[in-house]
Amino acid sequence: MQTQVLELEKIADKIRKLFALSQSPNEREASAAAAKAQEMLTRHNLSIASLQDWTPRPLEWE
């Protein structure tokens, strides 16, 4: 469980960074970043809303 939460944090952070990069004035860079972000959302069955609503919870030891 702990590893899954950490992995989701990494994925969410990367997607957020890609969406930030998609605002680049360089159209090719922006387009590539947006496409990669969308690909990652689909691959991990996430949505933009889930990234905005999701906040890391304190780790619980099993």
PDB file of N, CA and C in Angstrom:
ATOM      1  N   MET A   1       0.830  -1.198   0.000  1.00  0.00           N
ATOM      2  CA  MET A   1       0.000   0.000   0.000  1.00  0.00           C
ATOM      3  C   MET A   1       0.869   1.254   0.000  1.00  0.00           C
ATOM      4  N   GLN A   2       1.845   1.288   0.842  1.00  0.00           N
ATOM      5  CA  GLN A   2       2.739   2.441   0.960  1.00  0.00           C
ATOM      6  C   GLN A   2       3.435   2.705  -0.372  1.00  0.00           C
ATOM      7  N   THR A   3       3.901   1.669  -1.012  1.00  0.00           N
ATOM      8  CA  THR A   3       4.595   1.809  -2.286  1.00  0.00           C
ATOM      9  C   THR A   3       3.647   2.333  -3.355  1.00  0.00           C
ATOM     10  N   GLN A   4       2.396   1.884  -3.341  1.00  0.00           N
ATOM     11  CA  GLN A   4       1.411   2.336  -4.319  1.00  0.00           C
ATOM     12  C   GLN A   4       1.145   3.830  -4.174  1.00  0.00           C
ATOM     13  N   VAL A   5       1.056   4.310  -2.957  1.00  0.00           N
ATOM     14  CA  VAL A   5       0.808   5.730  -2.720  1.00  0.00           C
ATOM     15  C   VAL A   5       1.992   6.549  -3.219  1.00  0.00           C
ATOM     16  N   LEU A   6       3.198   6.115  -2.918  1.00  0.00           N
ATOM     17  CA  LEU A   6       4.384   6.836  -3.378  1.00  0.00           C
ATOM     18  C   LEU A   6       4.457   6.843  -4.897  1.00  0.00           C
ATOM     19  N   GLU A   7       4.132   5.716  -5.524  1.00  0.00           N
ATOM     20  CA  GLU A   7       4.162   5.630  -6.981  1.00  0.00           C
ATOM     21  C   GLU A   7       3.113   6.560  -7.594  1.00  0.00           C
ATOM     22  N   LEU A   8       1.924   6.607  -7.014  1.00  0.00           N
ATOM     23  CA  LEU A   8       0.878   7.499  -7.511  1.00  0.00           C
ATOM     24  C   LEU A   8       1.294   8.960  -7.363  1.00  0.00           C
ATOM     25  N   GLU A   9       1.962   9.288  -6.288  1.00  0.00           N
ATOM     26  CA  GLU A   9       2.465  10.654  -6.104  1.00  0.00           C
ATOM     27  C   GLU A   9       3.433  11.022  -7.219  1.00  0.00           C
ATOM     28  N   LYS A  10       4.335  10.112  -7.549  1.00  0.00           N
ATOM     29  CA  LYS A  10       5.311  10.358  -8.616  1.00  0.00           C
ATOM     30  C   LYS A  10       4.616  10.555  -9.957  1.00  0.00           C
ATOM     31  N   ILE A  11       3.652   9.693 -10.247  1.00  0.00           N
ATOM     32  CA  ILE A  11       2.926   9.769 -11.508  1.00  0.00           C
ATOM     33  C   ILE A  11       2.155  11.081 -11.590  1.00  0.00           C
ATOM     34  N   ALA A  12       1.437  11.422 -10.531  1.00  0.00           N
ATOM     35  CA  ALA A  12       0.648  12.652 -10.507  1.00  0.00           C
ATOM     36  C   ALA A  12       1.554  13.869 -10.678  1.00  0.00           C
ATOM     37  N   ASP A  13       2.706  13.863 -10.025  1.00  0.00           N
ATOM     38  CA  ASP A  13       3.637  14.982 -10.133  1.00  0.00           C
ATOM     39  C   ASP A  13       4.138  15.123 -11.568  1.00  0.00           C
ATOM     40  N   LYS A  14       4.471  14.015 -12.189  1.00  0.00           N
ATOM     41  CA  LYS A  14       4.961  14.057 -13.574  1.00  0.00           C
ATOM     42  C   LYS A  14       3.874  14.584 -14.515  1.00  0.00           C
ATOM     43  N   ILE A  15       2.636  14.131 -14.324  1.00  0.00           N
ATOM     44  CA  ILE A  15       1.544  14.597 -15.174  1.00  0.00           C
ATOM     45  C   ILE A  15       1.322  16.093 -14.980  1.00  0.00           C
ATOM     46  N   ARG A  16       1.360  16.557 -13.737  1.00  0.00           N
ATOM     47  CA  ARG A  16       1.206  18.002 -13.475  1.00  0.00           C
ATOM     48  C   ARG A  16       2.303  18.808 -14.171  1.00  0.00           C
ATOM     49  N   LYS A  17       3.525  18.305 -14.120  1.00  0.00           N
ATOM     50  CA  LYS A  17       4.643  18.993 -14.779  1.00  0.00           C
ATOM     51  C   LYS A  17       4.457  19.014 -16.290  1.00  0.00           C
ATOM     52  N   LEU A  18       3.963  17.910 -16.849  1.00  0.00           N
ATOM     53  CA  LEU A  18       3.713  17.873 -18.289  1.00  0.00           C
ATOM     54  C   LEU A  18       2.630  18.875 -18.677  1.00  0.00           C
ATOM     55  N   PHE A  19       1.568  18.977 -17.861  1.00  0.00           N
ATOM     56  CA  PHE A  19       0.532  19.962 -18.161  1.00  0.00           C
ATOM     57  C   PHE A  19       1.083  21.379 -18.049  1.00  0.00           C
ATOM     58  N   ALA A  20       1.963  21.633 -17.123  1.00  0.00           N
ATOM     59  CA  ALA A  20       2.593  22.954 -17.024  1.00  0.00           C
ATOM     60  C   ALA A  20       3.426  23.227 -18.284  1.00  0.00           C
ATOM     61  N   LEU A  21       4.157  22.222 -18.738  1.00  0.00           N
ATOM     62  CA  LEU A  21       4.974  22.359 -19.937  1.00  0.00           C
ATOM     63  C   LEU A  21       4.101  22.531 -21.178  1.00  0.00           C
ATOM     64  N   SER A  22       2.892  22.032 -21.130  1.00  0.00           N
ATOM     65  CA  SER A  22       2.000  22.174 -22.285  1.00  0.00           C
ATOM     66  C   SER A  22       1.586  23.636 -22.510  1.00  0.00           C
ATOM     67  N   GLN A  23       1.926  24.509 -21.579  1.00  0.00           N
ATOM     68  CA  GLN A  23       1.667  25.937 -21.723  1.00  0.00           C
ATOM     69  C   GLN A  23       2.854  26.679 -22.336  1.00  0.00           C
ATOM     70  N   SER A  24       3.849  25.936 -22.761  1.00  0.00           N
ATOM     71  CA  SER A  24       5.060  26.515 -23.348  1.00  0.00           C
ATOM     72  C   SER A  24       4.734  27.316 -24.608  1.00  0.00           C
ATOM     73  N   PRO A  25       5.448  28.398 -24.843  1.00  0.00           N
ATOM     74  CA  PRO A  25       5.252  29.147 -26.087  1.00  0.00           C
ATOM     75  C   PRO A  25       5.741  28.360 -27.316  1.00  0.00           C
ATOM     76  N   ASN A  26       6.590  27.376 -27.096  1.00  0.00           N
ATOM     77  CA  ASN A  26       7.051  26.512 -28.184  1.00  0.00           C
ATOM     78  C   ASN A  26       5.936  25.512 -28.497  1.00  0.00           C
ATOM     79  N   GLU A  27       5.294  25.679 -29.645  1.00  0.00           N
ATOM     80  CA  GLU A  27       4.117  24.880 -29.967  1.00  0.00           C
ATOM     81  C   GLU A  27       4.400  23.370 -30.015  1.00  0.00           C
ATOM     82  N   ARG A  28       5.526  22.993 -30.560  1.00  0.00           N
ATOM     83  CA  ARG A  28       5.856  21.558 -30.629  1.00  0.00           C
ATOM     84  C   ARG A  28       6.067  20.965 -29.241  1.00  0.00           C
ATOM     85  N   GLU A  29       6.782  21.685 -28.409  1.00  0.00           N
ATOM     86  CA  GLU A  29       7.029  21.234 -27.049  1.00  0.00           C
ATOM     87  C   GLU A  29       5.712  21.140 -26.268  1.00  0.00           C
ATOM     88  N   ALA A  30       4.873  22.155 -26.412  1.00  0.00           N
ATOM     89  CA  ALA A  30       3.589  22.183 -25.721  1.00  0.00           C
ATOM     90  C   ALA A  30       2.700  21.029 -26.173  1.00  0.00           C
ATOM     91  N   SER A  31       2.671  20.792 -27.458  1.00  0.00           N
ATOM     92  CA  SER A  31       1.839  19.719 -28.003  1.00  0.00           C
ATOM     93  C   SER A  31       2.332  18.347 -27.541  1.00  0.00           C
ATOM     94  N   ALA A  32       3.633  18.153 -27.572  1.00  0.00           N
ATOM     95  CA  ALA A  32       4.205  16.874 -27.140  1.00  0.00           C
ATOM     96  C   ALA A  32       3.944  16.632 -25.650  1.00  0.00           C
ATOM     97  N   ALA A  33       4.065  17.669 -24.843  1.00  0.00           N
ATOM     98  CA  ALA A  33       3.831  17.539 -23.400  1.00  0.00           C
ATOM     99  C   ALA A  33       2.367  17.216 -23.121  1.00  0.00           C
ATOM    100  N   ALA A  34       1.457  17.883 -23.820  1.00  0.00           N
ATOM    101  CA  ALA A  34       0.026  17.626 -23.620  1.00  0.00           C
ATOM    102  C   ALA A  34      -0.328  16.197 -24.026  1.00  0.00           C
ATOM    103  N   ALA A  35       0.232  15.738 -25.132  1.00  0.00           N
ATOM    104  CA  ALA A  35      -0.039  14.377 -25.595  1.00  0.00           C
ATOM    105  C   ALA A  35       0.490  13.342 -24.601  1.00  0.00           C
ATOM    106  N   LYS A  36       1.682  13.573 -24.070  1.00  0.00           N
ATOM    107  CA  LYS A  36       2.265  12.645 -23.103  1.00  0.00           C
ATOM    108  C   LYS A  36       1.453  12.636 -21.805  1.00  0.00           C
ATOM    109  N   ALA A  37       1.014  13.805 -21.366  1.00  0.00           N
ATOM    110  CA  ALA A  37       0.189  13.880 -20.148  1.00  0.00           C
ATOM    111  C   ALA A  37      -1.103  13.094 -20.340  1.00  0.00           C
ATOM    112  N   GLN A  38      -1.742  13.270 -21.497  1.00  0.00           N
ATOM    113  CA  GLN A  38      -2.985  12.546 -21.768  1.00  0.00           C
ATOM    114  C   GLN A  38      -2.743  11.046 -21.830  1.00  0.00           C
ATOM    115  N   GLU A  39      -1.636  10.647 -22.431  1.00  0.00           N
ATOM    116  CA  GLU A  39      -1.273   9.228 -22.499  1.00  0.00           C
ATOM    117  C   GLU A  39      -1.108   8.641 -21.096  1.00  0.00           C
ATOM    118  N   MET A  40      -0.443   9.381 -20.220  1.00  0.00           N
ATOM    119  CA  MET A  40      -0.227   8.893 -18.855  1.00  0.00           C
ATOM    120  C   MET A  40      -1.534   8.834 -18.075  1.00  0.00           C
ATOM    121  N   LEU A  41      -2.419   9.829 -18.278  1.00  0.00           N
ATOM    122  CA  LEU A  41      -3.730   9.790 -17.618  1.00  0.00           C
ATOM    123  C   LEU A  41      -4.484   8.522 -18.019  1.00  0.00           C
ATOM    124  N   THR A  42      -4.474   8.231 -19.308  1.00  0.00           N
ATOM    125  CA  THR A  42      -5.176   7.050 -19.817  1.00  0.00           C
ATOM    126  C   THR A  42      -4.536   5.767 -19.297  1.00  0.00           C
ATOM    127  N   ARG A  43      -3.226   5.680 -19.364  1.00  0.00           N
ATOM    128  CA  ARG A  43      -2.520   4.469 -18.935  1.00  0.00           C
ATOM    129  C   ARG A  43      -2.766   4.151 -17.469  1.00  0.00           C
ATOM    130  N   HIS A  44      -2.865   5.178 -16.635  1.00  0.00           N
ATOM    131  CA  HIS A  44      -3.016   4.972 -15.193  1.00  0.00           C
ATOM    132  C   HIS A  44      -4.464   5.161 -14.719  1.00  0.00           C
ATOM    133  N   ASN A  45      -5.383   5.268 -15.694  1.00  0.00           N
ATOM    134  CA  ASN A  45      -6.809   5.378 -15.399  1.00  0.00           C
ATOM    135  C   ASN A  45      -7.090   6.544 -14.437  1.00  0.00           C
ATOM    136  N   LEU A  46      -6.524   7.705 -14.776  1.00  0.00           N
ATOM    137  CA  LEU A  46      -6.697   8.910 -13.967  1.00  0.00           C
ATOM    138  C   LEU A  46      -7.416   9.974 -14.789  1.00  0.00           C
ATOM    139  N   SER A  47      -7.836  11.026 -14.121  1.00  0.00           N
ATOM    140  CA  SER A  47      -8.423  12.175 -14.805  1.00  0.00           C
ATOM    141  C   SER A  47      -7.763  13.433 -14.255  1.00  0.00           C
ATOM    142  N   ILE A  48      -7.952  14.522 -14.969  1.00  0.00           N
ATOM    143  CA  ILE A  48      -7.412  15.792 -14.494  1.00  0.00           C
ATOM    144  C   ILE A  48      -8.040  16.144 -13.149  1.00  0.00           C
ATOM    145  N   ALA A  49      -9.333  15.901 -13.025  1.00  0.00           N
ATOM    146  CA  ALA A  49     -10.031  16.185 -11.766  1.00  0.00           C
ATOM    147  C   ALA A  49      -9.458  15.363 -10.620  1.00  0.00           C
ATOM    148  N   SER A  50      -9.130  14.115 -10.899  1.00  0.00           N
ATOM    149  CA  SER A  50      -8.583  13.283  -9.822  1.00  0.00           C
ATOM    150  C   SER A  50      -7.221  13.794  -9.363  1.00  0.00           C
ATOM    151  N   LEU A  51      -6.468  14.394 -10.272  1.00  0.00           N
ATOM    152  CA  LEU A  51      -5.168  14.961  -9.886  1.00  0.00           C
ATOM    153  C   LEU A  51      -5.361  16.203  -9.026  1.00  0.00           C
ATOM    154  N   GLN A  52      -6.362  16.992  -9.338  1.00  0.00           N
ATOM    155  CA  GLN A  52      -6.608  18.218  -8.584  1.00  0.00           C
ATOM    156  C   GLN A  52      -7.189  17.914  -7.212  1.00  0.00           C
ATOM    157  N   ASP A  53      -8.039  16.891  -7.136  1.00  0.00           N
ATOM    158  CA  ASP A  53      -8.686  16.547  -5.872  1.00  0.00           C
ATOM    159  C   ASP A  53      -7.820  15.687  -4.975  1.00  0.00           C
ATOM    160  N   TRP A  54      -6.869  14.989  -5.567  1.00  0.00           N
ATOM    161  CA  TRP A  54      -6.080  14.027  -4.806  1.00  0.00           C
ATOM    162  C   TRP A  54      -4.974  14.737  -4.045  1.00  0.00           C
ATOM    163  N   THR A  55      -4.914  14.465  -2.763  1.00  0.00           N
ATOM    164  CA  THR A  55      -3.803  14.953  -1.947  1.00  0.00           C
ATOM    165  C   THR A  55      -3.219  13.751  -1.228  1.00  0.00           C
ATOM    166  N   PRO A  56      -1.922  13.698  -1.128  1.00  0.00           N
ATOM    167  CA  PRO A  56      -1.311  12.547  -0.458  1.00  0.00           C
ATOM    168  C   PRO A  56      -1.796  12.415   0.981  1.00  0.00           C
ATOM    169  N   ARG A  57      -2.051  11.195   1.380  1.00  0.00           N
ATOM    170  CA  ARG A  57      -2.440  10.925   2.763  1.00  0.00           C
ATOM    171  C   ARG A  57      -1.200  10.491   3.534  1.00  0.00           C
ATOM    172  N   PRO A  58      -1.212  10.665   4.831  1.00  0.00           N
ATOM    173  CA  PRO A  58      -0.075  10.178   5.612  1.00  0.00           C
ATOM    174  C   PRO A  58       0.079   8.671   5.414  1.00  0.00           C
ATOM    175  N   LEU A  59       1.305   8.246   5.351  1.00  0.00           N
ATOM    176  CA  LEU A  59       1.563   6.818   5.161  1.00  0.00           C
ATOM    177  C   LEU A  59       1.129   6.023   6.379  1.00  0.00           C
ATOM    178  N   GLU A  60       0.511   4.904   6.095  1.00  0.00           N
ATOM    179  CA  GLU A  60       0.093   4.015   7.179  1.00  0.00           C
ATOM    180  C   GLU A  60       0.905   2.738   7.095  1.00  0.00           C
ATOM    181  N   TRP A  61       1.460   2.347   8.182  1.00  0.00           N
ATOM    182  CA  TRP A  61       2.251   1.127   8.207  1.00  0.00           C
ATOM    183  C   TRP A  61       1.322  -0.056   8.429  1.00  0.00           C
ATOM    184  N   GLU A  62       1.532  -1.070   7.609  1.00  0.00           N
ATOM    185  CA  GLU A  62       0.684  -2.257   7.723  1.00  0.00           C
ATOM    186  C   GLU A  62       1.333  -3.272   8.628  1.00  0.00           C
TER     187      GLU A  62
END
